[in-house]
């Protein structure tokens, strides 16, 4: 179950380094895991964690809302996930 702990800097605007985030998550997790792989990948493409929730209906898992500005993401990084055609379509969109 979720254990409430104080996290230094939480609740104010802080630029978290991936290593700092891994340390905080490792301290919270009972098995000392770091940043989950999927979250790490979102952060590498410029994802920002903007909100959190403890999901009581899913084993007290911590949910995070992630926002990624695809237009601001390095096109070479996007190609890994979207392919060249996907990046070209994004670049030509009015989004």
N, C-alpha and C. Protein backbone atom coordinates (compact mmCIF):
# COMPACT_ATOMS: atom_id res chain seq x y z
N UNK A 1 0.81 -1.20 0.00
CA UNK A 1 0.00 0.00 0.00
C UNK A 1 0.86 1.26 0.00
N UNK A 2 0.24 2.32 -0.44
CA UNK A 2 0.93 3.62 -0.54
C UNK A 2 1.31 4.11 0.85
N UNK A 3 2.56 4.55 0.97
CA UNK A 3 3.03 5.14 2.23
C UNK A 3 3.34 6.59 1.98
N UNK A 4 2.70 7.46 2.75
CA UNK A 4 2.93 8.89 2.61
C UNK A 4 4.32 9.24 3.11
N UNK A 5 5.08 9.95 2.27
CA UNK A 5 6.41 10.42 2.66
C UNK A 5 6.62 11.80 2.10
N UNK A 6 7.36 12.59 2.80
CA UNK A 6 7.70 13.93 2.31
C UNK A 6 8.80 13.79 1.26
N UNK A 7 8.62 14.46 0.15
CA UNK A 7 9.62 14.48 -0.92
C UNK A 7 10.14 15.90 -1.01
N UNK A 8 11.46 16.10 -0.82
CA UNK A 8 12.02 17.45 -0.86
C UNK A 8 11.69 18.16 -2.17
N UNK A 9 11.17 19.38 -2.07
CA UNK A 9 10.88 20.17 -3.27
C UNK A 9 9.54 19.88 -3.91
N UNK A 10 8.83 18.87 -3.40
CA UNK A 10 7.54 18.52 -3.99
C UNK A 10 6.54 19.62 -3.69
N UNK A 11 5.68 19.92 -4.63
CA UNK A 11 4.66 20.92 -4.40
C UNK A 11 5.06 22.30 -4.87
N UNK A 12 6.27 22.46 -5.32
CA UNK A 12 6.68 23.72 -5.93
C UNK A 12 7.32 23.39 -7.26
N UNK A 13 7.47 24.37 -8.09
CA UNK A 13 8.02 24.13 -9.42
C UNK A 13 9.49 23.78 -9.30
N UNK A 14 9.81 22.57 -9.71
CA UNK A 14 11.18 22.07 -9.63
C UNK A 14 11.50 21.37 -10.93
N UNK A 15 12.68 21.62 -11.49
CA UNK A 15 13.14 20.88 -12.64
C UNK A 15 13.84 19.64 -12.11
N UNK A 16 13.19 18.49 -12.25
CA UNK A 16 13.78 17.26 -11.76
C UNK A 16 14.71 16.68 -12.80
N UNK A 17 15.91 16.38 -12.40
CA UNK A 17 16.87 15.65 -13.21
C UNK A 17 16.44 14.18 -13.16
N UNK A 18 16.66 13.43 -14.24
CA UNK A 18 16.24 12.03 -14.29
C UNK A 18 16.89 11.22 -13.17
N UNK A 19 18.13 11.52 -12.85
CA UNK A 19 18.82 10.82 -11.76
C UNK A 19 18.18 11.14 -10.41
N UNK A 20 17.81 12.41 -10.20
CA UNK A 20 17.15 12.79 -8.95
C UNK A 20 15.81 12.07 -8.82
N UNK A 21 15.07 12.03 -9.93
CA UNK A 21 13.78 11.36 -9.92
C UNK A 21 13.95 9.87 -9.63
N UNK A 22 14.98 9.24 -10.21
CA UNK A 22 15.25 7.82 -9.95
C UNK A 22 15.54 7.59 -8.47
N UNK A 23 16.26 8.50 -7.86
CA UNK A 23 16.58 8.39 -6.43
C UNK A 23 15.32 8.49 -5.59
N UNK A 24 14.47 9.47 -5.89
CA UNK A 24 13.23 9.66 -5.13
C UNK A 24 12.33 8.43 -5.28
N UNK A 25 12.17 7.94 -6.50
CA UNK A 25 11.32 6.78 -6.74
C UNK A 25 11.90 5.55 -6.04
N UNK A 26 13.23 5.39 -6.11
CA UNK A 26 13.88 4.27 -5.43
C UNK A 26 13.67 4.30 -3.93
N UNK A 27 13.65 5.50 -3.35
CA UNK A 27 13.42 5.64 -1.91
C UNK A 27 11.98 5.29 -1.53
N UNK A 28 11.04 5.57 -2.43
CA UNK A 28 9.63 5.32 -2.15
C UNK A 28 9.27 3.86 -2.36
N UNK A 29 9.80 3.24 -3.42
CA UNK A 29 9.47 1.86 -3.76
C UNK A 29 10.08 0.89 -2.76
N UNK A 30 9.30 -0.09 -2.33
CA UNK A 30 9.80 -1.05 -1.35
C UNK A 30 10.94 -1.90 -1.91
N UNK A 31 10.94 -2.14 -3.23
CA UNK A 31 12.01 -2.95 -3.84
C UNK A 31 13.09 -2.08 -4.48
N UNK A 32 13.08 -0.77 -4.17
CA UNK A 32 14.11 0.18 -4.59
C UNK A 32 14.24 0.33 -6.11
N UNK A 33 13.14 0.10 -6.85
CA UNK A 33 13.17 0.31 -8.30
C UNK A 33 13.39 1.79 -8.58
N UNK A 34 13.92 2.07 -9.75
CA UNK A 34 14.10 3.45 -10.17
C UNK A 34 12.95 3.89 -11.06
N UNK A 35 13.24 4.76 -12.00
CA UNK A 35 12.23 5.29 -12.92
C UNK A 35 11.80 4.17 -13.87
N UNK A 36 10.49 3.91 -13.98
CA UNK A 36 10.01 2.89 -14.92
C UNK A 36 10.44 3.22 -16.36
N UNK A 37 10.68 2.18 -17.15
CA UNK A 37 11.20 2.35 -18.51
C UNK A 37 10.31 3.26 -19.35
N UNK A 38 9.00 3.06 -19.31
CA UNK A 38 8.10 3.87 -20.13
C UNK A 38 8.17 5.34 -19.73
N UNK A 39 8.21 5.62 -18.45
CA UNK A 39 8.33 7.00 -17.98
C UNK A 39 9.66 7.60 -18.43
N UNK A 40 10.73 6.83 -18.34
CA UNK A 40 12.05 7.29 -18.78
C UNK A 40 12.02 7.69 -20.25
N UNK A 41 11.33 6.89 -21.09
CA UNK A 41 11.24 7.19 -22.52
C UNK A 41 10.46 8.48 -22.76
N UNK A 42 9.35 8.66 -22.05
CA UNK A 42 8.58 9.91 -22.19
C UNK A 42 9.42 11.12 -21.78
N UNK A 43 10.19 10.98 -20.71
CA UNK A 43 11.02 12.10 -20.26
C UNK A 43 12.12 12.41 -21.27
N UNK A 44 12.63 11.39 -21.95
CA UNK A 44 13.68 11.61 -22.95
C UNK A 44 13.18 12.40 -24.15
N UNK A 45 11.89 12.32 -24.46
CA UNK A 45 11.35 13.10 -25.58
C UNK A 45 10.76 14.43 -25.10
N UNK A 46 11.07 14.81 -23.87
CA UNK A 46 10.65 16.11 -23.37
C UNK A 46 9.36 16.11 -22.59
N UNK A 47 8.88 14.94 -22.20
CA UNK A 47 7.65 14.86 -21.42
C UNK A 47 7.78 15.57 -20.08
N UNK A 48 6.69 16.17 -19.65
CA UNK A 48 6.63 16.86 -18.36
C UNK A 48 5.54 16.21 -17.52
N UNK A 49 5.86 15.85 -16.30
CA UNK A 49 4.86 15.34 -15.37
C UNK A 49 4.15 16.55 -14.77
N UNK A 50 2.84 16.63 -14.99
CA UNK A 50 2.12 17.84 -14.57
C UNK A 50 1.12 17.60 -13.44
N UNK A 51 0.78 16.34 -13.15
CA UNK A 51 -0.16 16.05 -12.06
C UNK A 51 0.01 14.60 -11.62
N UNK A 52 -0.36 14.33 -10.38
CA UNK A 52 -0.24 12.99 -9.83
C UNK A 52 -1.51 12.61 -9.10
N UNK A 53 -1.71 11.30 -8.96
CA UNK A 53 -2.86 10.77 -8.25
C UNK A 53 -2.49 9.39 -7.72
N UNK A 54 -2.94 9.04 -6.52
CA UNK A 54 -2.80 7.68 -6.01
C UNK A 54 -4.09 6.96 -6.35
N UNK A 55 -3.99 5.89 -7.13
CA UNK A 55 -5.15 5.14 -7.61
C UNK A 55 -5.50 4.03 -6.63
N UNK A 56 -6.45 4.30 -5.75
CA UNK A 56 -6.85 3.34 -4.71
C UNK A 56 -7.47 2.08 -5.30
N UNK A 57 -7.99 2.17 -6.52
CA UNK A 57 -8.63 1.02 -7.15
C UNK A 57 -7.63 0.18 -7.95
N UNK A 58 -6.36 0.56 -7.94
CA UNK A 58 -5.34 -0.18 -8.67
C UNK A 58 -4.10 -0.34 -7.78
N UNK A 59 -4.30 -0.98 -6.65
CA UNK A 59 -3.21 -1.28 -5.69
C UNK A 59 -2.45 -0.04 -5.23
N UNK A 60 -3.15 1.07 -5.11
CA UNK A 60 -2.53 2.33 -4.68
C UNK A 60 -1.37 2.76 -5.57
N UNK A 61 -1.50 2.46 -6.86
CA UNK A 61 -0.45 2.86 -7.82
C UNK A 61 -0.45 4.37 -7.97
N UNK A 62 0.73 4.92 -8.19
CA UNK A 62 0.86 6.35 -8.42
C UNK A 62 0.70 6.62 -9.91
N UNK A 63 -0.32 7.40 -10.26
CA UNK A 63 -0.54 7.80 -11.65
C UNK A 63 0.10 9.16 -11.87
N UNK A 64 0.65 9.35 -13.05
CA UNK A 64 1.21 10.65 -13.41
C UNK A 64 0.68 11.08 -14.77
N UNK A 65 0.22 12.31 -14.87
CA UNK A 65 -0.23 12.87 -16.14
C UNK A 65 0.99 13.47 -16.83
N UNK A 66 1.27 12.99 -18.03
CA UNK A 66 2.45 13.42 -18.78
C UNK A 66 2.00 14.20 -20.00
N UNK A 67 2.65 15.35 -20.23
CA UNK A 67 2.39 16.17 -21.41
C UNK A 67 3.68 16.23 -22.22
N UNK A 68 3.57 15.95 -23.53
CA UNK A 68 4.73 16.02 -24.42
C UNK A 68 4.39 16.98 -25.56
N UNK A 69 5.20 18.01 -25.73
CA UNK A 69 5.04 18.94 -26.86
C UNK A 69 5.81 18.34 -28.03
N UNK A 70 5.10 17.61 -28.88
CA UNK A 70 5.75 16.91 -29.99
C UNK A 70 6.42 17.86 -30.96
N UNK A 71 5.88 19.06 -31.12
CA UNK A 71 6.48 20.05 -32.03
C UNK A 71 7.84 20.53 -31.50
N UNK A 72 8.04 20.46 -30.19
CA UNK A 72 9.30 20.91 -29.59
C UNK A 72 10.31 19.77 -29.41
N UNK A 73 9.88 18.55 -29.71
CA UNK A 73 10.75 17.38 -29.53
C UNK A 73 11.68 17.22 -30.73
N UNK A 74 12.90 16.81 -30.47
CA UNK A 74 13.88 16.57 -31.52
C UNK A 74 13.30 15.59 -32.55
N UNK A 75 13.22 15.99 -33.83
CA UNK A 75 12.65 15.12 -34.86
C UNK A 75 13.34 13.76 -34.97
N UNK A 76 14.64 13.71 -34.74
CA UNK A 76 15.35 12.42 -34.81
C UNK A 76 14.86 11.47 -33.72
N UNK A 77 14.58 12.02 -32.55
CA UNK A 77 14.06 11.20 -31.45
C UNK A 77 12.66 10.71 -31.79
N UNK A 78 11.84 11.59 -32.37
CA UNK A 78 10.48 11.20 -32.74
C UNK A 78 10.47 10.11 -33.80
N UNK A 79 11.44 10.13 -34.71
CA UNK A 79 11.51 9.11 -35.76
C UNK A 79 11.60 7.70 -35.18
N UNK A 80 12.21 7.57 -34.03
CA UNK A 80 12.32 6.25 -33.39
C UNK A 80 10.95 5.68 -33.05
N UNK A 81 10.00 6.57 -32.76
CA UNK A 81 8.68 6.13 -32.32
C UNK A 81 7.61 6.27 -33.40
N UNK A 82 7.76 7.28 -34.27
CA UNK A 82 6.72 7.58 -35.25
C UNK A 82 7.12 7.24 -36.68
N UNK A 83 8.40 7.00 -36.91
CA UNK A 83 8.89 6.80 -38.27
C UNK A 83 9.00 8.14 -38.99
N UNK A 84 9.71 8.13 -40.12
CA UNK A 84 9.92 9.38 -40.87
C UNK A 84 8.61 9.94 -41.39
N UNK A 85 7.72 9.07 -41.86
CA UNK A 85 6.43 9.53 -42.40
C UNK A 85 5.59 10.19 -41.30
N UNK A 86 5.61 9.63 -40.11
CA UNK A 86 4.86 10.20 -39.00
C UNK A 86 5.38 11.57 -38.60
N UNK A 87 6.71 11.71 -38.58
CA UNK A 87 7.32 13.00 -38.24
C UNK A 87 7.00 14.03 -39.31
N UNK A 88 7.04 13.61 -40.59
CA UNK A 88 6.71 14.52 -41.69
C UNK A 88 5.26 14.97 -41.59
N UNK A 89 4.36 14.04 -41.27
CA UNK A 89 2.94 14.38 -41.13
C UNK A 89 2.73 15.36 -39.98
N UNK A 90 3.43 15.14 -38.88
CA UNK A 90 3.33 16.05 -37.73
C UNK A 90 3.84 17.43 -38.11
N UNK A 91 4.97 17.49 -38.79
CA UNK A 91 5.57 18.77 -39.17
C UNK A 91 4.66 19.57 -40.10
N UNK A 92 3.91 18.87 -40.94
CA UNK A 92 3.04 19.57 -41.89
C UNK A 92 1.65 19.85 -41.33
N UNK A 93 1.37 19.35 -40.13
CA UNK A 93 0.04 19.57 -39.55
C UNK A 93 -0.08 20.97 -38.97
N UNK A 94 -1.31 21.41 -38.77
CA UNK A 94 -1.56 22.73 -38.19
C UNK A 94 -1.67 22.65 -36.67
N UNK A 95 -1.42 21.51 -36.12
CA UNK A 95 -1.49 21.25 -34.68
C UNK A 95 -0.45 22.04 -33.96
